[in-house]
PDB file of N, CA and C in Angstrom:
ATOM      1  N   MET A   1      70.674  26.473-100.252  1.00  0.00           N
ATOM      2  CA  MET A   1      72.086  26.325 -99.935  1.00  0.00           C
ATOM      3  C   MET A   1      72.525  27.500 -99.081  1.00  0.00           C
ATOM      4  N   ARG A   2      73.290  27.203 -98.073  1.00  0.00           N
ATOM      5  CA  ARG A   2      73.758  28.238 -97.164  1.00  0.00           C
ATOM      6  C   ARG A   2      75.139  28.765 -97.532  1.00  0.00           C
ATOM      7  N   TYR A   3      76.014  27.906 -98.039  1.00  0.00           N
ATOM      8  CA  TYR A   3      77.409  28.305 -98.268  1.00  0.00           C
ATOM      9  C   TYR A   3      77.815  28.254 -99.736  1.00  0.00           C
ATOM     10  N   LEU A   4      77.184  27.410-100.483  1.00  0.00           N
ATOM     11  CA  LEU A   4      77.413  27.355-101.923  1.00  0.00           C
ATOM     12  C   LEU A   4      76.338  28.184-102.601  1.00  0.00           C
ATOM     13  N   ASN A   5      76.598  28.594-103.825  1.00  0.00           N
ATOM     14  CA  ASN A   5      75.532  29.210-104.601  1.00  0.00           C
ATOM     15  C   ASN A   5      75.583  28.650-106.011  1.00  0.00           C
ATOM     16  N   LEU A   6      74.452  28.737-106.675  1.00  0.00           N
ATOM     17  CA  LEU A   6      74.300  28.129-107.983  1.00  0.00           C
ATOM     18  C   LEU A   6      75.342  28.624-108.974  1.00  0.00           C
ATOM     19  N   ASN A   7      75.623  29.902-108.995  1.00  0.00           N
ATOM     20  CA  ASN A   7      76.592  30.447-109.954  1.00  0.00           C
ATOM     21  C   ASN A   7      78.000  29.899-109.731  1.00  0.00           C
ATOM     22  N   ASP A   8      78.416  29.778-108.468  1.00  0.00           N
ATOM     23  CA  ASP A   8      79.749  29.233-108.182  1.00  0.00           C
ATOM     24  C   ASP A   8      79.851  27.772-108.607  1.00  0.00           C
ATOM     25  N   ILE A   9      78.786  27.012-108.354  1.00  0.00           N
ATOM     26  CA  ILE A   9      78.802  25.610-108.756  1.00  0.00           C
ATOM     27  C   ILE A   9      78.833  25.503-110.277  1.00  0.00           C
ATOM     28  N   ARG A  10      78.002  26.293-110.954  1.00  0.00           N
ATOM     29  CA  ARG A  10      77.979  26.277-112.428  1.00  0.00           C
ATOM     30  C   ARG A  10      79.351  26.636-112.988  1.00  0.00           C
ATOM     31  N   GLU A  11      80.010  27.623-112.393  1.00  0.00           N
ATOM     32  CA  GLU A  11      81.347  28.008-112.856  1.00  0.00           C
ATOM     33  C   GLU A  11      82.342  26.883-112.644  1.00  0.00           C
ATOM     34  N   HIS A  12      82.271  26.232-111.476  1.00  0.00           N
ATOM     35  CA  HIS A  12      83.167  25.108-111.192  1.00  0.00           C
ATOM     36  C   HIS A  12      82.953  23.968-112.196  1.00  0.00           C
ATOM     37  N   LEU A  13      81.708  23.764-112.593  1.00  0.00           N
ATOM     38  CA  LEU A  13      81.377  22.686-113.524  1.00  0.00           C
ATOM     39  C   LEU A  13      81.636  23.071-114.986  1.00  0.00           C
ATOM     40  N   ASN A  14      82.061  24.288-115.227  1.00  0.00           N
ATOM     41  CA  ASN A  14      82.302  24.790-116.592  1.00  0.00           C
ATOM     42  C   ASN A  14      81.042  24.730-117.453  1.00  0.00           C
ATOM     43  N   ILE A  15      79.917  25.138-116.896  1.00  0.00           N
ATOM     44  CA  ILE A  15      78.660  25.134-117.632  1.00  0.00           C
ATOM     45  C   ILE A  15      78.501  26.491-118.317  1.00  0.00           C
ATOM     46  N   ASP A  16      78.171  26.448-119.590  1.00  0.00           N
ATOM     47  CA  ASP A  16      77.986  27.676-120.360  1.00  0.00           C
ATOM     48  C   ASP A  16      76.893  28.542-119.753  1.00  0.00           C
ATOM     49  N   GLU A  17      77.073  29.860-119.876  1.00  0.00           N
ATOM     50  CA  GLU A  17      76.114  30.826-119.319  1.00  0.00           C
ATOM     51  C   GLU A  17      74.700  30.638-119.846  1.00  0.00           C
ATOM     52  N   TRP A  18      74.558  30.231-121.089  1.00  0.00           N
ATOM     53  CA  TRP A  18      73.246  30.113-121.723  1.00  0.00           C
ATOM     54  C   TRP A  18      72.511  28.823-121.355  1.00  0.00           C
ATOM     55  N   PHE A  19      73.222  27.832-120.797  1.00  0.00           N
ATOM     56  CA  PHE A  19      72.609  26.533-120.503  1.00  0.00           C
ATOM     57  C   PHE A  19      72.075  26.509-119.076  1.00  0.00           C
ATOM     58  N   HIS A  20      70.760  26.412-118.926  1.00  0.00           N
ATOM     59  CA  HIS A  20      70.142  26.408-117.603  1.00  0.00           C
ATOM     60  C   HIS A  20      69.253  25.195-117.367  1.00  0.00           C
ATOM     61  N   ASP A  21      69.287  24.224-118.281  1.00  0.00           N
ATOM     62  CA  ASP A  21      68.431  23.048-118.145  1.00  0.00           C
ATOM     63  C   ASP A  21      68.730  22.244-116.877  1.00  0.00           C
ATOM     64  N   ASP A  22      69.960  22.268-116.401  1.00  0.00           N
ATOM     65  CA  ASP A  22      70.353  21.469-115.241  1.00  0.00           C
ATOM     66  C   ASP A  22      70.383  22.260-113.933  1.00  0.00           C
ATOM     67  N   ASP A  23      69.914  23.490-113.934  1.00  0.00           N
ATOM     68  CA  ASP A  23      70.000  24.315-112.721  1.00  0.00           C
ATOM     69  C   ASP A  23      69.297  23.678-111.525  1.00  0.00           C
ATOM     70  N   TYR A  24      68.143  23.080-111.734  1.00  0.00           N
ATOM     71  CA  TYR A  24      67.433  22.441-110.623  1.00  0.00           C
ATOM     72  C   TYR A  24      68.243  21.269-110.077  1.00  0.00           C
ATOM     73  N   LEU A  25      68.799  20.462-110.965  1.00  0.00           N
ATOM     74  CA  LEU A  25      69.644  19.336-110.558  1.00  0.00           C
ATOM     75  C   LEU A  25      70.868  19.837-109.796  1.00  0.00           C
ATOM     76  N   ILE A  26      71.507  20.865-110.313  1.00  0.00           N
ATOM     77  CA  ILE A  26      72.714  21.402-109.677  1.00  0.00           C
ATOM     78  C   ILE A  26      72.396  21.963-108.291  1.00  0.00           C
ATOM     79  N   ALA A  27      71.267  22.648-108.158  1.00  0.00           N
ATOM     80  CA  ALA A  27      70.870  23.178-106.849  1.00  0.00           C
ATOM     81  C   ALA A  27      70.621  22.045-105.864  1.00  0.00           C
ATOM     82  N   ASN A  28      69.987  20.968-106.314  1.00  0.00           N
ATOM     83  CA  ASN A  28      69.763  19.814-105.436  1.00  0.00           C
ATOM     84  C   ASN A  28      71.068  19.177-105.016  1.00  0.00           C
ATOM     85  N   ILE A  29      72.002  19.075-105.944  1.00  0.00           N
ATOM     86  CA  ILE A  29      73.322  18.533-105.617  1.00  0.00           C
ATOM     87  C   ILE A  29      74.000  19.414-104.572  1.00  0.00           C
ATOM     88  N   GLY A  30      73.929  20.727-104.749  1.00  0.00           N
ATOM     89  CA  GLY A  30      74.542  21.649-103.791  1.00  0.00           C
ATOM     90  C   GLY A  30      73.967  21.498-102.395  1.00  0.00           C
ATOM     91  N   GLU A  31      72.645  21.371-102.295  1.00  0.00           N
ATOM     92  CA  GLU A  31      71.994  21.168-100.992  1.00  0.00           C
ATOM     93  C   GLU A  31      72.480  19.872-100.343  1.00  0.00           C
ATOM     94  N   ALA A  32      72.509  18.813-101.126  1.00  0.00           N
ATOM     95  CA  ALA A  32      72.939  17.514-100.592  1.00  0.00           C
ATOM     96  C   ALA A  32      74.394  17.563-100.154  1.00  0.00           C
ATOM     97  N   VAL A  33      75.234  18.208-100.939  1.00  0.00           N
ATOM     98  CA  VAL A  33      76.663  18.263-100.638  1.00  0.00           C
ATOM     99  C   VAL A  33      76.925  18.981 -99.317  1.00  0.00           C
ATOM    100  N   GLU A  34      76.218  20.053 -99.048  1.00  0.00           N
ATOM    101  CA  GLU A  34      76.419  20.741 -97.769  1.00  0.00           C
ATOM    102  C   GLU A  34      76.091  19.813 -96.604  1.00  0.00           C
ATOM    103  N   ASP A  35      75.004  19.051 -96.718  1.00  0.00           N
ATOM    104  CA  ASP A  35      74.644  18.095 -95.665  1.00  0.00           C
ATOM    105  C   ASP A  35      75.676  16.975 -95.552  1.00  0.00           C
ATOM    106  N   ILE A  36      76.139  16.480 -96.688  1.00  0.00           N
ATOM    107  CA  ILE A  36      77.130  15.398 -96.695  1.00  0.00           C
ATOM    108  C   ILE A  36      78.421  15.845 -96.019  1.00  0.00           C
ATOM    109  N   VAL A  37      78.864  17.051 -96.312  1.00  0.00           N
ATOM    110  CA  VAL A  37      80.113  17.553 -95.723  1.00  0.00           C
ATOM    111  C   VAL A  37      79.960  17.713 -94.216  1.00  0.00           C
ATOM    112  N   GLU A  38      78.830  18.226 -93.752  1.00  0.00           N
ATOM    113  CA  GLU A  38      78.611  18.321 -92.309  1.00  0.00           C
ATOM    114  C   GLU A  38      78.700  16.950 -91.659  1.00  0.00           C
ATOM    115  N   HIS A  39      78.104  15.965 -92.293  1.00  0.00           N
ATOM    116  CA  HIS A  39      78.163  14.609 -91.745  1.00  0.00           C
ATOM    117  C   HIS A  39      79.596  14.064 -91.794  1.00  0.00           C
ATOM    118  N   HIS A  40      80.301  14.328 -92.883  1.00  0.00           N
ATOM    119  CA  HIS A  40      81.663  13.817 -93.043  1.00  0.00           C
ATOM    120  C   HIS A  40      82.602  14.379 -91.976  1.00  0.00           C
ATOM    121  N   ILE A  41      82.509  15.663 -91.705  1.00  0.00           N
ATOM    122  CA  ILE A  41      83.423  16.249 -90.708  1.00  0.00           C
ATOM    123  C   ILE A  41      82.863  16.140 -89.294  1.00  0.00           C
ATOM    124  N   ASP A  42      81.624  15.643 -89.177  1.00  0.00           N
ATOM    125  CA  ASP A  42      80.981  15.446 -87.880  1.00  0.00           C
ATOM    126  C   ASP A  42      80.893  16.755 -87.094  1.00  0.00           C
ATOM    127  N   ASP A  43      80.528  17.822 -87.802  1.00  0.00           N
ATOM    128  CA  ASP A  43      80.395  19.131 -87.173  1.00  0.00           C
ATOM    129  C   ASP A  43      79.465  19.976 -88.033  1.00  0.00           C
ATOM    130  N   ASP A  44      78.784  20.904 -87.413  1.00  0.00           N
ATOM    131  CA  ASP A  44      77.950  21.839 -88.156  1.00  0.00           C
ATOM    132  C   ASP A  44      78.844  22.857 -88.852  1.00  0.00           C
ATOM    133  N   LEU A  45      78.547  23.136 -90.101  1.00  0.00           N
ATOM    134  CA  LEU A  45      79.326  24.142 -90.817  1.00  0.00           C
ATOM    135  C   LEU A  45      79.198  25.503 -90.157  1.00  0.00           C
ATOM    136  N   SER A  46      78.061  25.765 -89.537  1.00  0.00           N
ATOM    137  CA  SER A  46      77.864  27.051 -88.872  1.00  0.00           C
ATOM    138  C   SER A  46      78.867  27.257 -87.732  1.00  0.00           C
ATOM    139  N   ALA A  47      79.347  26.169 -87.147  1.00  0.00           N
ATOM    140  CA  ALA A  47      80.336  26.275 -86.069  1.00  0.00           C
ATOM    141  C   ALA A  47      81.696  26.741 -86.596  1.00  0.00           C
ATOM    142  N   LEU A  48      81.891  26.662 -87.904  1.00  0.00           N
ATOM    143  CA  LEU A  48      83.166  27.048 -88.501  1.00  0.00           C
ATOM    144  C   LEU A  48      83.108  28.409 -89.179  1.00  0.00           C
ATOM    145  N   GLU A  49      81.969  29.087 -89.060  1.00  0.00           N
ATOM    146  CA  GLU A  49      81.820  30.407 -89.688  1.00  0.00           C
ATOM    147  C   GLU A  49      82.699  31.452 -89.006  1.00  0.00           C
ATOM    148  N   ASP A  50      83.201  32.373 -89.812  1.00  0.00           N
ATOM    149  CA  ASP A  50      83.907  33.511 -89.246  1.00  0.00           C
ATOM    150  C   ASP A  50      82.887  34.611 -88.931  1.00  0.00           C
ATOM    151  N   LYS A  51      83.357  35.779 -88.545  1.00  0.00           N
ATOM    152  CA  LYS A  51      82.440  36.851 -88.140  1.00  0.00           C
ATOM    153  C   LYS A  51      81.565  37.346 -89.292  1.00  0.00           C
ATOM    154  N   ASN A  52      81.968  37.070 -90.540  1.00  0.00           N
ATOM    155  CA  ASN A  52      81.173  37.465 -91.711  1.00  0.00           C
ATOM    156  C   ASN A  52      80.197  36.375 -92.157  1.00  0.00           C
ATOM    157  N   GLY A  53      80.190  35.243 -91.456  1.00  0.00           N
ATOM    158  CA  GLY A  53      79.307  34.137 -91.833  1.00  0.00           C
ATOM    159  C   GLY A  53      79.889  33.238 -92.904  1.00  0.00           C
ATOM    160  N   ASP A  54      81.171  33.418 -93.214  1.00  0.00           N
ATOM    161  CA  ASP A  54      81.833  32.589 -94.226  1.00  0.00           C
ATOM    162  C   ASP A  54      82.507  31.400 -93.556  1.00  0.00           C
ATOM    163  N   ILE A  55      82.604  30.299 -94.293  1.00  0.00           N
ATOM    164  CA  ILE A  55      83.341  29.131 -93.800  1.00  0.00           C
ATOM    165  C   ILE A  55      84.682  29.081 -94.532  1.00  0.00           C
ATOM    166  N   PRO A  56      85.644  28.319 -93.998  1.00  0.00           N
ATOM    167  CA  PRO A  56      86.974  28.267 -94.623  1.00  0.00           C
ATOM    168  C   PRO A  56      86.917  27.819 -96.087  1.00  0.00           C
ATOM    169  N   ARG A  57      87.751  28.431 -96.912  1.00  0.00           N
ATOM    170  CA  ARG A  57      87.792  28.135 -98.348  1.00  0.00           C
ATOM    171  C   ARG A  57      88.060  26.661 -98.661  1.00  0.00           C
ATOM    172  N   PRO A  58      88.893  25.947 -97.883  1.00  0.00           N
ATOM    173  CA  PRO A  58      89.075  24.525 -98.197  1.00  0.00           C
ATOM    174  C   PRO A  58      87.760  23.735 -98.136  1.00  0.00           C
ATOM    175  N   LEU A  59      86.858  24.122 -97.253  1.00  0.00           N
ATOM    176  CA  LEU A  59      85.565  23.444 -97.196  1.00  0.00           C
ATOM    177  C   LEU A  59      84.736  23.739 -98.440  1.00  0.00           C
ATOM    178  N   ILE A  60      84.763  24.982 -98.888  1.00  0.00           N
ATOM    179  CA  ILE A  60      84.054  25.343-100.118  1.00  0.00           C
ATOM    180  C   ILE A  60      84.620  24.553-101.291  1.00  0.00           C
ATOM    181  N   GLN A  61      85.947  24.487-101.370  1.00  0.00           N
ATOM    182  CA  GLN A  61      86.581  23.754-102.473  1.00  0.00           C
ATOM    183  C   GLN A  61      86.205  22.278-102.426  1.00  0.00           C
ATOM    184  N   ALA A  62      86.198  21.684-101.242  1.00  0.00           N
ATOM    185  CA  ALA A  62      85.802  20.273-101.123  1.00  0.00           C
ATOM    186  C   ALA A  62      84.360  20.081-101.574  1.00  0.00           C
ATOM    187  N   MET A  63      83.491  21.006-101.213  1.00  0.00           N
ATOM    188  CA  MET A  63      82.089  20.900-101.621  1.00  0.00           C
ATOM    189  C   MET A  63      81.956  21.031-103.137  1.00  0.00           C
ATOM    190  N   LEU A  64      82.721  21.920-103.738  1.00  0.00           N
ATOM    191  CA  LEU A  64      82.679  22.061-105.194  1.00  0.00           C
ATOM    192  C   LEU A  64      83.179  20.795-105.886  1.00  0.00           C
ATOM    193  N   LEU A  65      84.232  20.190-105.343  1.00  0.00           N
ATOM    194  CA  LEU A  65      84.726  18.935-105.906  1.00  0.00           C
ATOM    195  C   LEU A  65      83.658  17.854-105.838  1.00  0.00           C
ATOM    196  N   LEU A  66      82.962  17.780-104.716  1.00  0.00           N
ATOM    197  CA  LEU A  66      81.924  16.764-104.566  1.00  0.00           C
ATOM    198  C   LEU A  66      80.742  17.059-105.487  1.00  0.00           C
ATOM    199  N   CYS A  67      80.402  18.325-105.672  1.00  0.00           N
ATOM    200  CA  CYS A  67      79.355  18.691-106.637  1.00  0.00           C
ATOM    201  C   CYS A  67      79.749  18.210-108.029  1.00  0.00           C
ATOM    202  N   GLY A  68      81.002  18.427-108.394  1.00  0.00           N
ATOM    203  CA  GLY A  68      81.486  17.981-109.697  1.00  0.00           C
ATOM    204  C   GLY A  68      81.382  16.474-109.850  1.00  0.00           C
ATOM    205  N   HIS A  69      81.710  15.766-108.790  1.00  0.00           N
ATOM    206  CA  HIS A  69      81.622  14.299-108.826  1.00  0.00           C
ATOM    207  C   HIS A  69      80.177  13.851-109.031  1.00  0.00           C
ATOM    208  N   PHE A  70      79.262  14.414-108.249  1.00  0.00           N
ATOM    209  CA  PHE A  70      77.860  14.004-108.359  1.00  0.00           C
ATOM    210  C   PHE A  70      77.241  14.432-109.684  1.00  0.00           C
ATOM    211  N   TYR A  71      77.675  15.540-110.233  1.00  0.00           N
ATOM    212  CA  TYR A  71      77.136  15.990-111.520  1.00  0.00           C
ATOM    213  C   TYR A  71      77.629  15.083-112.654  1.00  0.00           C
ATOM    214  N   ALA A  72      78.903  14.721-112.606  1.00  0.00           N
ATOM    215  CA  ALA A  72      79.485  13.892-113.668  1.00  0.00           C
ATOM    216  C   ALA A  72      79.104  12.423-113.526  1.00  0.00           C
ATOM    217  N   ASN A  73      78.838  11.977-112.315  1.00  0.00           N
ATOM    218  CA  ASN A  73      78.540  10.564-112.049  1.00  0.00           C
ATOM    219  C   ASN A  73      77.161  10.461-111.412  1.00  0.00           C
ATOM    220  N   ARG A  74      76.139  10.522-112.219  1.00  0.00           N
ATOM    221  CA  ARG A  74      74.771  10.567-111.708  1.00  0.00           C
ATOM    222  C   ARG A  74      74.198   9.204-111.388  1.00  0.00           C
ATOM    223  N   GLU A  75      74.887   8.169-111.722  1.00  0.00           N
ATOM    224  CA  GLU A  75      74.411   6.806-111.472  1.00  0.00           C
ATOM    225  C   GLU A  75      75.382   6.091-110.543  1.00  0.00           C
ATOM    226  N   SER A  76      74.934   4.985-109.966  1.00  0.00           N
ATOM    227  CA  SER A  76      75.768   4.252-109.016  1.00  0.00           C
ATOM    228  C   SER A  76      76.757   3.314-109.706  1.00  0.00           C
ATOM    229  N   VAL A  77      76.673   3.193-111.016  1.00  0.00           N
ATOM    230  CA  VAL A  77      77.576   2.325-111.765  1.00  0.00           C
ATOM    231  C   VAL A  77      78.448   3.188-112.660  1.00  0.00           C
ATOM    232  N   ALA A  78      79.739   2.914-112.639  1.00  0.00           N
ATOM    233  CA  ALA A  78      80.672   3.645-113.503  1.00  0.00           C
ATOM    234  C   ALA A  78      81.407   2.645-114.382  1.00  0.00           C
ATOM    235  N   PHE A  79      81.672   3.030-115.587  1.00  0.00           N
ATOM    236  CA  PHE A  79      82.411   2.177-116.504  1.00  0.00           C
ATOM    237  C   PHE A  79      83.784   2.796-116.720  1.00  0.00           C
ATOM    238  N   GLY A  80      84.782   1.959-116.821  1.00  0.00           N
ATOM    239  CA  GLY A  80      86.138   2.457-116.944  1.00  0.00           C
ATOM    240  C   GLY A  80      86.896   2.177-115.657  1.00  0.00           C
ATOM    241  N   THR A  81      87.990   2.848-115.476  1.00  0.00           N
ATOM    242  CA  THR A  81      88.806   2.638-114.282  1.00  0.00           C
ATOM    243  C   THR A  81      89.061   3.970-113.587  1.00  0.00           C
ATOM    244  N   PRO A  82      88.055   4.492-112.896  1.00  0.00           N
ATOM    245  CA  PRO A  82      88.269   5.761-112.186  1.00  0.00           C
ATOM    246  C   PRO A  82      89.168   5.573-110.972  1.00  0.00           C
ATOM    247  N   HIS A  83      89.801   6.624-110.571  1.00  0.00           N
ATOM    248  CA  HIS A  83      90.613   6.598-109.363  1.00  0.00           C
ATOM    249  C   HIS A  83      90.520   7.959-108.682  1.00  0.00           C
ATOM    250  N   GLU A  84      90.755   7.950-107.388  1.00  0.00           N
ATOM    251  CA  GLU A  84      90.670   9.185-106.621  1.00  0.00           C
ATOM    252  C   GLU A  84      91.865  10.082-106.929  1.00  0.00           C
ATOM    253  N   VAL A  85      91.584  11.369-107.064  1.00  0.00           N
ATOM    254  CA  VAL A  85      92.647  12.336-107.288  1.00  0.00           C
ATOM    255  C   VAL A  85      93.304  12.634-105.941  1.00  0.00           C
ATOM    256  N   PRO A  86      94.609  12.472-105.828  1.00  0.00           N
ATOM    257  CA  PRO A  86      95.278  12.741-104.545  1.00  0.00           C
ATOM    258  C   PRO A  86      95.062  14.182-104.083  1.00  0.00           C
ATOM    259  N   LEU A  87      95.024  14.361-102.797  1.00  0.00           N
ATOM    260  CA  LEU A  87      94.889  15.675-102.176  1.00  0.00           C
ATOM    261  C   LEU A  87      93.623  16.410-102.628  1.00  0.00           C
ATOM    262  N   ALA A  88      92.547  15.699-102.739  1.00  0.00           N
ATOM    263  CA  ALA A  88      91.310  16.332-103.175  1.00  0.00           C
ATOM    264  C   ALA A  88      90.311  16.365-102.020  1.00  0.00           C
ATOM    265  N   TYR A  89      89.119  15.872-102.250  1.00  0.00           N
ATOM    266  CA  TYR A  89      87.999  15.987-101.323  1.00  0.00           C
ATOM    267  C   TYR A  89      88.346  15.520 -99.905  1.00  0.00           C
ATOM    268  N   ASN A  90      88.801  14.283 -99.747  1.00  0.00           N
ATOM    269  CA  ASN A  90      89.073  13.771 -98.400  1.00  0.00           C
ATOM    270  C   ASN A  90      90.174  14.551 -97.703  1.00  0.00           C
ATOM    271  N   TYR A  91      91.199  14.912 -98.425  1.00  0.00           N
ATOM    272  CA  TYR A  91      92.282  15.688 -97.833  1.00  0.00           C
ATOM    273  C   TYR A  91      91.761  17.011 -97.280  1.00  0.00           C
ATOM    274  N   LEU A  92      90.952  17.709 -98.068  1.00  0.00           N
ATOM    275  CA  LEU A  92      90.429  19.008 -97.642  1.00  0.00           C
ATOM    276  C   LEU A  92      89.526  18.887 -96.424  1.00  0.00           C
ATOM    277  N   LEU A  93      88.663  17.880 -96.417  1.00  0.00           N
ATOM    278  CA  LEU A  93      87.737  17.727 -95.287  1.00  0.00           C
ATOM    279  C   LEU A  93      88.431  17.218 -94.035  1.00  0.00           C
ATOM    280  N   ASP A  94      89.444  16.388 -94.183  1.00  0.00           N
ATOM    281  CA  ASP A  94      90.139  15.873 -93.011  1.00  0.00           C
ATOM    282  C   ASP A  94      90.797  16.983 -92.195  1.00  0.00           C
ATOM    283  N   LEU A  95      91.014  18.139 -92.811  1.00  0.00           N
ATOM    284  CA  LEU A  95      91.548  19.281 -92.071  1.00  0.00           C
ATOM    285  C   LEU A  95      90.569  19.773 -91.005  1.00  0.00           C
ATOM    286  N   PHE A  96      89.280  19.470 -91.168  1.00  0.00           N
ATOM    287  CA  PHE A  96      88.244  19.990 -90.284  1.00  0.00           C
ATOM    288  C   PHE A  96      87.480  18.906 -89.529  1.00  0.00           C
ATOM    289  N   ARG A  97      87.800  17.652 -89.756  1.00  0.00           N
ATOM    290  CA  ARG A  97      87.036  16.548 -89.184  1.00  0.00           C
ATOM    291  C   ARG A  97      87.232  16.462 -87.681  1.00  0.00           C
ATOM    292  N   ARG A  98      86.140  16.233 -86.969  1.00  0.00           N
ATOM    293  CA  ARG A  98      86.179  16.078 -85.509  1.00  0.00           C
ATOM    294  C   ARG A  98      86.196  14.590 -85.194  1.00  0.00           C
ATOM    295  N   TYR A  99      87.371  14.001 -85.210  1.00  0.00           N
ATOM    296  CA  TYR A  99      87.506  12.560 -85.030  1.00  0.00           C
ATOM    297  C   TYR A  99      87.073  12.108 -83.650  1.00  0.00           C
ATOM    298  N   ASN A 100      87.346  12.913 -82.654  1.00  0.00           N
ATOM    299  CA  ASN A 100      87.065  12.487 -81.287  1.00  0.00           C
ATOM    300  C   ASN A 100      85.580  12.269 -81.038  1.00  0.00           C
ATOM    301  N   ARG A 101      84.706  13.047 -81.649  1.00  0.00           N
ATOM    302  CA  ARG A 101      83.271  12.897 -81.410  1.00  0.00           C
ATOM    303  C   ARG A 101      82.765  11.565 -81.938  1.00  0.00           C
ATOM    304  N   ARG A 102      82.970  11.293 -83.204  1.00  0.00           N
ATOM    305  CA  ARG A 102      82.446  10.070 -83.804  1.00  0.00           C
ATOM    306  C   ARG A 102      83.151   8.841 -83.247  1.00  0.00           C
ATOM    307  N   ASN A 103      84.475   8.899 -83.081  1.00  0.00           N
ATOM    308  CA  ASN A 103      85.202   7.740 -82.602  1.00  0.00           C
ATOM    309  C   ASN A 103      84.793   7.367 -81.193  1.00  0.00           C
ATOM    310  N   SER A 104      84.532   8.332 -80.331  1.00  0.00           N
ATOM    311  CA  SER A 104      84.138   7.996 -78.971  1.00  0.00           C
ATOM    312  C   SER A 104      82.766   7.349 -78.955  1.00  0.00           C
ATOM    313  N   GLU A 105      81.855   7.792 -79.826  1.00  0.00           N
ATOM    314  CA  GLU A 105      80.536   7.183 -79.902  1.00  0.00           C
ATOM    315  C   GLU A 105      80.619   5.801 -80.508  1.00  0.00           C
ATOM    316  N   THR A 106      81.432   5.601 -81.536  1.00  0.00           N
ATOM    317  CA  THR A 106      81.536   4.338 -82.226  1.00  0.00           C
ATOM    318  C   THR A 106      82.244   3.308 -81.367  1.00  0.00           C
ATOM    319  N   ASN A 107      83.278   3.717 -80.645  1.00  0.00           N
ATOM    320  CA  ASN A 107      84.049   2.767 -79.841  1.00  0.00           C
ATOM    321  C   ASN A 107      83.249   2.245 -78.671  1.00  0.00           C
ATOM    322  N   ASN A 108      82.251   2.979 -78.200  1.00  0.00           N
ATOM    323  CA  ASN A 108      81.426   2.521 -77.093  1.00  0.00           C
ATOM    324  C   ASN A 108      80.163   1.818 -77.557  1.00  0.00           C
ATOM    325  N   CYS A 109      80.071   1.548 -78.827  1.00  0.00           N
ATOM    326  CA  CYS A 109      78.894   0.934 -79.418  1.00  0.00           C
ATOM    327  C   CYS A 109      78.863  -0.558 -79.156  1.00  0.00           C
ATOM    328  N   ASN A 110      77.718  -1.066 -78.760  1.00  0.00           N
ATOM    329  CA  ASN A 110      77.515  -2.505 -78.647  1.00  0.00           C
ATOM    330  C   ASN A 110      76.872  -2.958 -79.943  1.00  0.00           C
ATOM    331  N   CYS A 111      77.685  -3.294 -80.930  1.00  0.00           N
ATOM    332  CA  CYS A 111      77.193  -3.550 -82.282  1.00  0.00           C
ATOM    333  C   CYS A 111      76.938  -5.030 -82.559  1.00  0.00           C
ATOM    334  N   GLY A 112      76.881  -5.832 -81.549  1.00  0.00           N
ATOM    335  CA  GLY A 112      76.526  -7.225 -81.738  1.00  0.00           C
ATOM    336  C   GLY A 112      77.682  -8.128 -82.088  1.00  0.00           C
ATOM    337  N   GLY A 113      78.856  -7.600 -82.227  1.00  0.00           N
ATOM    338  CA  GLY A 113      80.012  -8.435 -82.558  1.00  0.00           C
ATOM    339  C   GLY A 113      80.863  -8.667 -81.330  1.00  0.00           C
ATOM    340  N   GLY A 114      80.835  -9.819 -80.783  1.00  0.00           N
ATOM    341  CA  GLY A 114      81.658 -10.091 -79.610  1.00  0.00           C
ATOM    342  C   GLY A 114      80.820 -10.511 -78.432  1.00  0.00           C
ATOM    343  N   ASN A 115      81.381 -10.384 -77.243  1.00  0.00           N
ATOM    344  CA  ASN A 115      80.695 -10.856 -76.034  1.00  0.00           C
ATOM    345  C   ASN A 115      79.635  -9.938 -75.579  1.00  0.00           C
TER     346      ASN A 115
END
């Protein structure tokens, strides 16, 4: 992981200091989340680094929220009636999303629908 670290994720997840059985899983989630966020905002996180190599805190918070989601929901099926928390992951990432890059590529796509 380049921007997240295991201790920060564990703290966000409220995992007790003595419990380390899930550390490998949590590290894998952290790695995946960094890649997912780069894809979501359609930009390299390194392009958003400041002079100290840090990225904006809203991006870190969004990544922690997504880590929490993947840790709590490890399967593709959920029971109950979950709903998205307003002003959470998508709100934070939309502050940094490069809409023009993906939209220009998608709008010029010949995707087989039409003439």
